Amino acid sequence: MTPDAVAAIDCGTNSTRLLVVDEAGRPLIRLMRITRLGEGVDATGSLSPDAITRCVAVLHEYRELMDETGVGRARVVATSAVRDADNGDEFLAEARLATGVDPELLDGAAEGRLSMAGALADLSGPGPFLVLDIGGGSTEMVVGRDAADPALEVVSMQLGCVRLTERFLTTDPPTAAELAEAEAEVATRLDAVLADHPHFLSAHRLVGLAGTVSTLASLDAGLAAYDRDRIHHAVLPASAVYDWYRTLAAEPAADRLARPGMEPGRQDVIVGGALILVSVMGRLGFDECLVSEADILDGLVGSLTS
């Protein structure tokens, strides 16, 4: 037990994650469970009872682990799915009971800033950086030299791997027409972002976060199982990302799941996530993406230890 341990929980659209660190900021626990909290939210506007139950069950599990490690302070956050749901308050109340922590509903700007703070904590080199956090319901794009940059710009696009899949990629595998429609939608959204935020084009380095990017890195490295040390700060060439996008889009979800490195529960939404990454890299002219396994969770615990 570490009395001064702190923790962060991120209740995302596709997954619910926990990070516990000791008083020196050394990770004690990193866990991820795919809970699909945002399942159906894009169509119905509400969190389903089953989705809430799945997520809250994991929050109870995380609370037990926090107690075992002596966590004294914690932050619990919810993002896109809960922002969009008309019954988000119901989930937040359940999350409060399960964790004993008042949960925070982050807007897209706060989510992006915390993601950048986490991603750049162990990175050096010339900026500005473009941090791309591909979530289930939204995608945050943050450009700046660091999280404290007064010229920092943050955009939250209401498109993520789950939302894009539920809205456009409904056939297994998706048809050419579905892919074309989804690609056109992402292109339109990106054009609008760049028209309002031309500074995004000044970024020198792309840093990719979250499950889509990690899974593509695992696949590209041929890893049979998740290996954070191998994935963190791996480099994904644009050509590899494009090849994986086309390959995964051409096969059914069951075949994707059979691939070494494919995380169970992500096989049905990985094409949507890869499409977003391909589109961003192509539209902004990035030849490679630096993979970061440090993200919003690291930004959250950093706020508790600094």
Protein backbone atom coordinates (compact mmCIF):
# COMPACT_ATOMS: atom_id res chain seq x y z
CA MET A 1 0.00 0.00 0.00
CA THR A 2 1.24 3.47 -0.92
CA PRO A 3 -0.50 6.11 1.27
CA ASP A 4 0.31 8.96 -1.08
CA ALA A 5 -0.78 7.18 -4.25
CA VAL A 6 -3.08 9.05 -6.62
CA ALA A 7 -5.38 7.75 -9.35
CA ALA A 8 -7.20 8.80 -12.50
CA ILE A 9 -10.15 7.14 -14.19
CA ASP A 10 -11.25 7.99 -17.72
CA CYS A 11 -14.79 6.94 -18.64
CA GLY A 12 -14.59 7.10 -22.42
CA THR A 13 -17.04 6.21 -25.16
CA ASN A 14 -15.37 2.86 -25.89
CA SER A 15 -13.26 2.07 -22.84
CA THR A 16 -12.92 2.76 -19.13
CA ARG A 17 -9.35 3.11 -17.92
CA LEU A 18 -7.48 3.42 -14.63
CA LEU A 19 -4.02 4.74 -13.78
CA VAL A 20 -2.58 4.65 -10.25
CA VAL A 21 0.81 6.20 -9.52
CA ASP A 22 2.88 6.51 -6.35
CA GLU A 23 3.99 9.78 -4.76
CA ALA A 24 6.91 10.00 -7.20
CA GLY A 25 4.63 9.56 -10.20
CA ARG A 26 5.71 5.96 -10.89
CA PRO A 27 2.88 3.86 -12.35
CA LEU A 28 1.54 1.16 -10.04
CA ILE A 29 -1.51 0.09 -12.05
CA ARG A 30 -2.63 0.69 -15.63
CA LEU A 31 -5.85 -1.01 -16.66
CA MET A 32 -8.26 -0.78 -19.55
CA ARG A 33 -11.66 -2.40 -19.98
CA ILE A 34 -13.74 -2.01 -23.12
CA THR A 35 -17.17 -1.07 -21.79
CA ARG A 36 -18.68 0.70 -24.84
CA LEU A 37 -20.42 3.30 -22.68
CA GLY A 38 -21.34 5.26 -25.79
CA GLU A 39 -23.02 2.37 -27.59
CA GLY A 40 -26.01 3.76 -29.50
CA VAL A 41 -25.68 7.31 -28.13
CA ASP A 42 -25.25 8.80 -31.59
CA ALA A 43 -28.60 7.36 -32.68
CA THR A 44 -30.65 7.59 -29.49
CA GLY A 45 -29.13 10.51 -27.59
CA SER A 46 -29.08 8.40 -24.42
CA LEU A 47 -26.77 6.06 -22.55
CA SER A 48 -28.35 2.61 -22.51
CA PRO A 49 -29.01 0.88 -19.16
CA ASP A 50 -26.74 -2.01 -20.21
CA ALA A 51 -23.88 0.36 -21.09
CA ILE A 52 -24.18 2.15 -17.75
CA THR A 53 -24.21 -1.19 -15.92
CA ARG A 54 -21.08 -2.39 -17.76
CA CYS A 55 -19.18 0.77 -16.98
CA VAL A 56 -20.27 1.03 -13.35
CA ALA A 57 -19.23 -2.58 -12.72
CA VAL A 58 -15.73 -1.72 -13.88
CA LEU A 59 -15.73 1.41 -11.69
CA HIS A 60 -16.47 -0.77 -8.64
CA GLU A 61 -13.52 -2.98 -9.62
CA TYR A 62 -11.30 0.07 -9.94
CA ARG A 63 -12.40 1.43 -6.55
CA GLU A 64 -11.31 -1.83 -4.91
CA LEU A 65 -7.90 -1.58 -6.56
CA MET A 66 -7.56 2.04 -5.48
CA ASP A 67 -8.33 1.04 -1.90
CA GLU A 68 -5.77 -1.78 -2.05
CA THR A 69 -3.05 0.62 -3.20
CA GLY A 70 -3.92 3.32 -0.68
CA VAL A 71 -5.07 5.98 -3.11
CA GLY A 72 -5.61 9.22 -1.27
CA ARG A 73 -6.66 11.50 -4.12
CA ALA A 74 -8.26 10.77 -7.46
CA ARG A 75 -9.88 12.34 -10.48
CA VAL A 76 -12.67 10.62 -12.39
CA VAL A 77 -13.63 12.10 -15.74
CA ALA A 78 -16.25 11.42 -18.40
CA THR A 79 -16.05 12.62 -21.98
CA SER A 80 -17.88 12.45 -25.32
CA ALA A 81 -20.58 9.85 -24.68
CA VAL A 82 -21.70 11.44 -21.42
CA ARG A 83 -21.47 14.96 -22.90
CA ASP A 84 -23.86 13.91 -25.67
CA ALA A 85 -26.33 11.89 -23.60
CA ASP A 86 -29.52 13.36 -22.20
CA ASN A 87 -29.18 11.02 -19.20
CA GLY A 88 -25.53 11.77 -18.54
CA ASP A 89 -26.35 12.98 -15.01
CA GLU A 90 -27.69 9.51 -14.22
CA PHE A 91 -24.36 7.97 -15.12
CA LEU A 92 -22.38 10.59 -13.20
CA ALA A 93 -24.44 9.86 -10.08
CA GLU A 94 -23.75 6.13 -10.46
CA ALA A 95 -20.05 6.82 -11.01
CA ARG A 96 -19.94 8.91 -7.83
CA LEU A 97 -21.45 6.07 -5.80
CA ALA A 98 -19.11 3.48 -7.32
CA THR A 99 -15.87 5.43 -6.89
CA GLY A 100 -16.50 7.77 -3.99
CA VAL A 101 -15.16 10.58 -6.18
CA ASP A 102 -17.12 13.46 -7.69
CA PRO A 103 -16.79 12.83 -11.44
CA GLU A 104 -15.96 15.65 -13.82
CA LEU A 105 -17.63 16.04 -17.20
CA LEU A 106 -14.90 17.41 -19.45
CA ASP A 107 -15.60 19.50 -22.51
CA GLY A 108 -13.56 18.84 -25.63
CA ALA A 109 -11.08 21.65 -24.91
CA ALA A 110 -10.27 20.42 -21.41
CA GLU A 111 -9.99 16.86 -22.68
CA GLY A 112 -7.55 17.95 -25.36
CA ARG A 113 -5.38 19.98 -22.98
CA LEU A 114 -5.09 17.09 -20.53
CA SER A 115 -4.25 14.70 -23.35
CA MET A 116 -1.47 16.99 -24.55
CA ALA A 117 -0.12 17.41 -21.00
CA GLY A 118 0.12 13.65 -20.65
CA ALA A 119 1.49 12.95 -24.11
CA LEU A 120 4.24 15.57 -23.99
CA ALA A 121 5.35 14.94 -20.39
CA ASP A 122 8.13 12.60 -21.53
CA LEU A 123 8.70 14.03 -25.00
CA SER A 124 11.25 16.60 -26.06
CA GLY A 125 12.16 18.19 -29.35
CA PRO A 126 11.05 21.09 -31.47
CA GLY A 127 7.37 21.94 -31.66
CA PRO A 128 4.74 22.73 -32.29
CA PHE A 129 3.22 19.28 -31.88
CA LEU A 130 -0.15 18.10 -33.13
CA VAL A 131 -1.60 15.73 -30.56
CA LEU A 132 -4.37 13.59 -32.04
CA ASP A 133 -6.59 11.73 -29.57
CA ILE A 134 -8.95 9.42 -31.47
CA GLY A 135 -11.70 8.49 -29.06
CA GLY A 136 -14.90 6.55 -29.47
CA GLY A 137 -17.26 9.48 -29.78
CA SER A 138 -14.97 12.39 -30.54
CA THR A 139 -11.48 13.17 -31.79
CA GLU A 140 -9.44 15.88 -30.10
CA MET A 141 -6.81 17.76 -32.08
CA VAL A 142 -4.40 19.94 -30.09
CA VAL A 143 -1.57 22.02 -31.52
CA GLY A 144 1.11 23.78 -29.49
CA ARG A 145 4.61 23.54 -28.08
CA ASP A 146 3.28 22.16 -24.78
CA ALA A 147 0.13 22.22 -22.67
CA ALA A 148 1.04 25.64 -21.25
CA ASP A 149 1.59 27.25 -24.66
CA PRO A 150 -0.45 30.50 -24.74
CA ALA A 151 -0.97 29.91 -28.46
CA LEU A 152 -2.40 26.42 -27.85
CA GLU A 153 -5.39 25.57 -30.05
CA VAL A 154 -7.82 22.73 -29.33
CA VAL A 155 -10.59 21.35 -31.51
CA SER A 156 -12.93 18.51 -30.64
CA MET A 157 -14.50 16.87 -33.70
CA GLN A 158 -17.71 15.01 -33.01
CA LEU A 159 -16.41 11.95 -34.82
CA GLY A 160 -14.69 8.99 -33.19
CA CYS A 161 -14.23 5.33 -34.04
CA VAL A 162 -17.54 4.23 -32.47
CA ARG A 163 -19.60 7.14 -33.79
CA LEU A 164 -18.17 6.81 -37.32
CA THR A 165 -18.81 3.06 -37.33
CA GLU A 166 -22.38 3.32 -36.06
CA ARG A 167 -23.21 6.13 -38.45
CA PHE A 168 -21.58 4.89 -41.67
CA LEU A 169 -19.82 1.50 -41.47
CA THR A 170 -22.78 -0.72 -40.71
CA THR A 171 -21.96 -3.67 -42.99
CA ASP A 172 -19.39 -6.31 -41.98
CA PRO A 173 -17.04 -5.72 -43.72
CA PRO A 174 -18.03 -2.21 -44.79
CA THR A 175 -18.96 -1.71 -48.42
CA ALA A 176 -17.02 0.55 -50.76
CA ALA A 177 -19.93 2.99 -50.71
CA GLU A 178 -19.95 3.10 -46.89
CA LEU A 179 -16.22 3.71 -46.79
CA ALA A 180 -16.47 6.45 -49.38
CA GLU A 181 -19.26 8.17 -47.45
CA ALA A 182 -17.32 7.96 -44.19
CA GLU A 183 -14.14 9.25 -45.85
CA ALA A 184 -16.06 12.17 -47.33
CA GLU A 185 -17.53 13.04 -43.92
CA VAL A 186 -14.13 13.04 -42.22
CA ALA A 187 -12.64 15.10 -45.06
CA THR A 188 -15.42 17.68 -44.73
CA ARG A 189 -14.90 17.93 -40.98
CA LEU A 190 -11.14 18.32 -41.38
CA ASP A 191 -11.54 21.00 -44.03
CA ALA A 192 -13.78 22.95 -41.66
CA VAL A 193 -11.26 22.59 -38.81
CA LEU A 194 -8.37 23.82 -40.95
CA ALA A 195 -10.37 26.73 -42.34
CA ASP A 196 -10.94 27.97 -38.79
CA HIS A 197 -7.56 26.88 -37.39
CA PRO A 198 -4.84 27.20 -40.05
CA HIS A 199 -2.22 27.08 -37.27
CA PHE A 200 -2.76 23.29 -37.23
CA LEU A 201 -0.79 23.17 -40.48
CA SER A 202 2.27 24.55 -38.68
CA ALA A 203 2.77 21.46 -36.52
CA HIS A 204 6.10 19.70 -37.07
CA ARG A 205 5.26 16.38 -35.44
CA LEU A 206 2.13 14.25 -35.11
CA VAL A 207 1.61 12.41 -31.81
CA GLY A 208 -1.19 9.84 -31.86
CA LEU A 209 -3.05 8.67 -28.75
CA ALA A 210 -5.64 6.09 -27.74
CA GLY A 211 -6.70 2.58 -28.69
CA THR A 212 -6.86 2.91 -32.46
CA VAL A 213 -3.27 4.14 -32.68
CA SER A 214 -1.97 1.62 -30.13
CA THR A 215 -3.68 -1.26 -31.90
CA LEU A 216 -2.32 -0.25 -35.30
CA ALA A 217 1.16 -0.04 -33.76
CA SER A 218 0.74 -3.54 -32.27
CA LEU A 219 -0.39 -4.92 -35.60
CA ASP A 220 2.42 -3.23 -37.49
CA ALA A 221 5.03 -4.53 -35.03
CA GLY A 222 3.60 -8.05 -35.20
CA LEU A 223 3.09 -8.21 -31.44
CA ALA A 224 1.14 -11.22 -30.20
CA ALA A 225 0.12 -9.36 -27.03
CA TYR A 226 0.06 -5.77 -25.83
CA ASP A 227 3.52 -4.54 -24.88
CA ARG A 228 3.53 -0.93 -23.69
CA ASP A 229 7.31 -0.64 -23.83
CA ARG A 230 7.35 -1.69 -27.49
CA ILE A 231 4.45 0.56 -28.50
CA HIS A 232 5.22 3.75 -26.58
CA HIS A 233 7.05 6.12 -28.93
CA ALA A 234 6.96 3.67 -31.82
CA VAL A 235 6.70 5.32 -35.22
CA LEU A 236 3.91 4.51 -37.68
CA PRO A 237 4.70 5.52 -41.29
CA ALA A 238 1.77 6.94 -43.26
CA SER A 239 2.15 4.13 -45.80
CA ALA A 240 1.72 1.50 -43.07
CA VAL A 241 -1.35 3.23 -41.64
CA TYR A 242 -2.94 3.38 -45.08
CA ASP A 243 -2.14 -0.29 -45.77
CA TRP A 244 -3.64 -1.39 -42.47
CA TYR A 245 -6.74 0.72 -43.07
CA ARG A 246 -7.36 -0.90 -46.47
CA THR A 247 -6.51 -4.38 -45.17
CA LEU A 248 -8.76 -4.22 -42.11
CA ALA A 249 -11.59 -2.60 -44.06
CA ALA A 250 -11.60 -5.53 -46.50
CA GLU A 251 -12.07 -8.27 -43.90
CA PRO A 252 -14.89 -9.11 -41.48
CA ALA A 253 -14.57 -8.28 -37.81
CA ALA A 254 -14.03 -11.94 -36.87
CA ASP A 255 -10.94 -12.08 -39.07
CA ARG A 256 -9.63 -8.84 -37.58
CA LEU A 257 -10.06 -10.27 -34.09
CA ALA A 258 -8.01 -13.32 -35.08
CA ARG A 259 -5.02 -11.14 -35.88
CA PRO A 260 -2.21 -11.10 -33.29
CA GLY A 261 -2.22 -7.70 -31.63
CA MET A 262 -5.94 -7.02 -32.11
CA GLU A 263 -7.53 -6.06 -28.83
CA PRO A 264 -10.83 -7.90 -28.20
CA GLY A 265 -13.69 -5.43 -28.37
CA ARG A 266 -11.93 -3.15 -30.82
CA GLN A 267 -12.24 -5.29 -33.95
CA ASP A 268 -15.60 -3.77 -34.95
CA VAL A 269 -14.51 -0.12 -34.66
CA ILE A 270 -10.84 -0.20 -35.70
CA VAL A 271 -11.64 0.61 -39.33
CA GLY A 272 -13.38 3.83 -38.34
CA GLY A 273 -10.45 4.82 -36.15
CA ALA A 274 -7.90 3.99 -38.84
CA LEU A 275 -9.89 6.05 -41.33
CA ILE A 276 -9.62 9.09 -39.07
CA LEU A 277 -5.86 8.64 -38.65
CA VAL A 278 -5.31 8.13 -42.39
CA SER A 279 -7.37 11.21 -43.16
CA VAL A 280 -5.55 13.46 -40.69
CA MET A 281 -2.12 12.32 -41.87
CA GLY A 282 -3.04 12.80 -45.51
CA ARG A 283 -4.79 16.14 -45.13
CA LEU A 284 -2.08 17.68 -42.93
CA GLY A 285 0.83 16.12 -44.79
CA PHE A 286 2.37 13.97 -42.05
CA ASP A 287 4.66 11.16 -43.22
CA GLU A 288 4.64 9.45 -39.82
CA CYS A 289 2.84 9.31 -36.50
CA LEU A 290 4.63 9.00 -33.17
CA VAL A 291 2.64 6.65 -30.94
CA SER A 292 2.19 7.73 -27.32
CA GLU A 293 0.82 5.48 -24.60
CA ALA A 294 0.91 8.48 -22.26
CA ASP A 295 -2.34 10.40 -22.59
CA ILE A 296 -5.19 11.99 -20.68
CA LEU A 297 -4.72 9.66 -17.70
CA ASP A 298 -1.13 10.83 -17.34
CA GLY A 299 -2.30 14.42 -17.63
CA LEU A 300 -4.84 13.82 -14.87
CA VAL A 301 -2.44 12.21 -12.40
CA GLY A 302 0.11 14.91 -13.26
CA SER A 303 -2.40 17.49 -12.07
CA LEU A 304 -2.57 15.66 -8.74
CA THR A 305 1.18 15.23 -8.21
CA SER A 306 2.53 18.56 -9.46
